[in-house]
C-alpha atoms as a PDB file:
ATOM      1  CA  MET A   1      98.532  71.908  96.734  1.00  0.00           C
ATOM      2  CA  LYS A   2      98.060  75.667  96.822  1.00  0.00           C
ATOM      3  CA  ILE A   3      99.566  77.779  94.066  1.00  0.00           C
ATOM      4  CA  TYR A   4     100.147  81.480  94.706  1.00  0.00           C
ATOM      5  CA  VAL A   5      99.970  83.858  91.748  1.00  0.00           C
ATOM      6  CA  VAL A   6     101.260  87.359  92.462  1.00  0.00           C
ATOM      7  CA  GLN A   7     100.313  89.977  89.900  1.00  0.00           C
ATOM      8  CA  SER A   8     101.880  93.391  89.439  1.00  0.00           C
ATOM      9  CA  PHE A   9      99.386  96.136  88.593  1.00  0.00           C
ATOM     10  CA  ASN A  10     100.202  99.362  86.752  1.00  0.00           C
ATOM     11  CA  GLU A  11      98.576 101.672  84.215  1.00  0.00           C
ATOM     12  CA  ASP A  12      99.286  99.125  81.448  1.00  0.00           C
ATOM     13  CA  GLY A  13      97.489  96.248  83.200  1.00  0.00           C
ATOM     14  CA  LEU A  14      98.463  93.139  85.163  1.00  0.00           C
ATOM     15  CA  GLU A  15     101.551  90.957  84.862  1.00  0.00           C
ATOM     16  CA  ASN A  16     102.309  87.734  86.726  1.00  0.00           C
ATOM     17  CA  VAL A  17     105.502  88.312  88.720  1.00  0.00           C
ATOM     18  CA  TYR A  18     105.486  85.147  90.851  1.00  0.00           C
ATOM     19  CA  VAL A  19     103.784  81.783  90.430  1.00  0.00           C
ATOM     20  CA  GLY A  20     104.625  79.050  92.903  1.00  0.00           C
ATOM     21  CA  ASP A  21     103.756  77.159  96.077  1.00  0.00           C
ATOM     22  CA  ASP A  22     105.925  79.153  98.527  1.00  0.00           C
ATOM     23  CA  SER A  23     103.429  81.206 100.551  1.00  0.00           C
ATOM     24  CA  LYS A  24     106.132  83.036 102.530  1.00  0.00           C
ATOM     25  CA  LYS A  25     107.854  84.197  99.370  1.00  0.00           C
ATOM     26  CA  ALA A  26     104.587  85.189  97.686  1.00  0.00           C
ATOM     27  CA  LEU A  27     103.350  87.167 100.682  1.00  0.00           C
ATOM     28  CA  SER A  28     106.698  88.863 101.342  1.00  0.00           C
ATOM     29  CA  LEU A  29     106.904  90.561  97.945  1.00  0.00           C
ATOM     30  CA  LYS A  30     106.560  94.348  97.769  1.00  0.00           C
ATOM     31  CA  ALA A  31     105.519  96.632  94.931  1.00  0.00           C
ATOM     32  CA  ALA A  32     108.935  98.322  95.160  1.00  0.00           C
ATOM     33  CA  ASP A  33     110.541  94.999  94.146  1.00  0.00           C
ATOM     34  CA  PHE A  34     109.223  95.495  90.588  1.00  0.00           C
ATOM     35  CA  ASP A  35     109.579  98.238  87.975  1.00  0.00           C
ATOM     36  CA  HIS A  36     106.465 100.320  87.275  1.00  0.00           C
ATOM     37  CA  CYS A  37     104.361  98.532  89.902  1.00  0.00           C
ATOM     38  CA  ASP A  38     101.533 100.417  91.606  1.00  0.00           C
ATOM     39  CA  ALA A  39     100.143  97.468  93.587  1.00  0.00           C
ATOM     40  CA  LEU A  40     100.413  93.715  93.992  1.00  0.00           C
ATOM     41  CA  PHE A  41      97.512  91.295  93.939  1.00  0.00           C
ATOM     42  CA  VAL A  42      97.523  87.662  95.059  1.00  0.00           C
ATOM     43  CA  GLU A  43      95.409  84.835  93.724  1.00  0.00           C
ATOM     44  CA  ILE A  44      95.396  81.468  95.503  1.00  0.00           C
ATOM     45  CA  TRP A  45      94.607  78.433  93.377  1.00  0.00           C
ATOM     46  CA  GLU A  46      93.871  74.940  94.643  1.00  0.00           C
ATOM     47  CA  ASP A  47      92.887  71.913  92.557  1.00  0.00           C
ATOM     48  CA  GLY A  48      92.510  74.080  89.439  1.00  0.00           C
ATOM     49  CA  GLU A  49      90.121  76.557  91.075  1.00  0.00           C
ATOM     50  CA  LYS A  50      90.777  80.044  92.368  1.00  0.00           C
ATOM     51  CA  THR A  51      89.953  79.906  96.077  1.00  0.00           C
ATOM     52  CA  ASP A  52      90.942  83.438  97.135  1.00  0.00           C
ATOM     53  CA  ASP A  53      92.242  86.752  95.854  1.00  0.00           C
ATOM     54  CA  PHE A  54      93.296  89.953  97.573  1.00  0.00           C
ATOM     55  CA  ARG A  55      95.515  93.001  97.331  1.00  0.00           C
ATOM     56  CA  LEU A  56      98.878  92.498  99.001  1.00  0.00           C
ATOM     57  CA  LEU A  57      99.205  95.378 101.445  1.00  0.00           C
ATOM     58  CA  GLU A  58     102.591  96.497 102.650  1.00  0.00           C
ATOM     59  CA  THR A  59     103.306  97.439 106.227  1.00  0.00           C
ATOM     60  CA  SER A  60     105.823 100.126 106.969  1.00  0.00           C
ATOM     61  CA  GLU A  61     108.748  99.496 109.307  1.00  0.00           C
ATOM     62  CA  ASP A  62     107.045 101.765 111.867  1.00  0.00           C
ATOM     63  CA  ASP A  63     103.959  99.528 111.813  1.00  0.00           C
ATOM     64  CA  GLU A  64     106.114  96.423 112.289  1.00  0.00           C
ATOM     65  CA  ASP A  65     107.979  98.021 115.220  1.00  0.00           C
ATOM     66  CA  GLU A  66     104.645  98.961 116.800  1.00  0.00           C
ATOM     67  CA  LEU A  67     103.364  95.375 116.467  1.00  0.00           C
ATOM     68  CA  GLU A  68     106.535  93.990 118.057  1.00  0.00           C
ATOM     69  CA  GLN A  69     106.190  96.384 121.017  1.00  0.00           C
ATOM     70  CA  GLU A  70     102.583  95.304 121.591  1.00  0.00           C
ATOM     71  CA  ALA A  71     103.559  91.610 121.747  1.00  0.00           C
END
């Protein structure tokens, strides 16, 4: 089972803001959802080992509209 750990980054360091197995929830979070958050980072853990990590980038509504028009 994959576990998603979402970390909020600010000038004071990192704080876990979500830990769970719901990938849609983990990947839908935005920095604006949390106080004093400059960026969100995701770690993916499987069988006790970290298998991936990345910065969670946010797309603007304009970008989403553009992608829908291309489809």
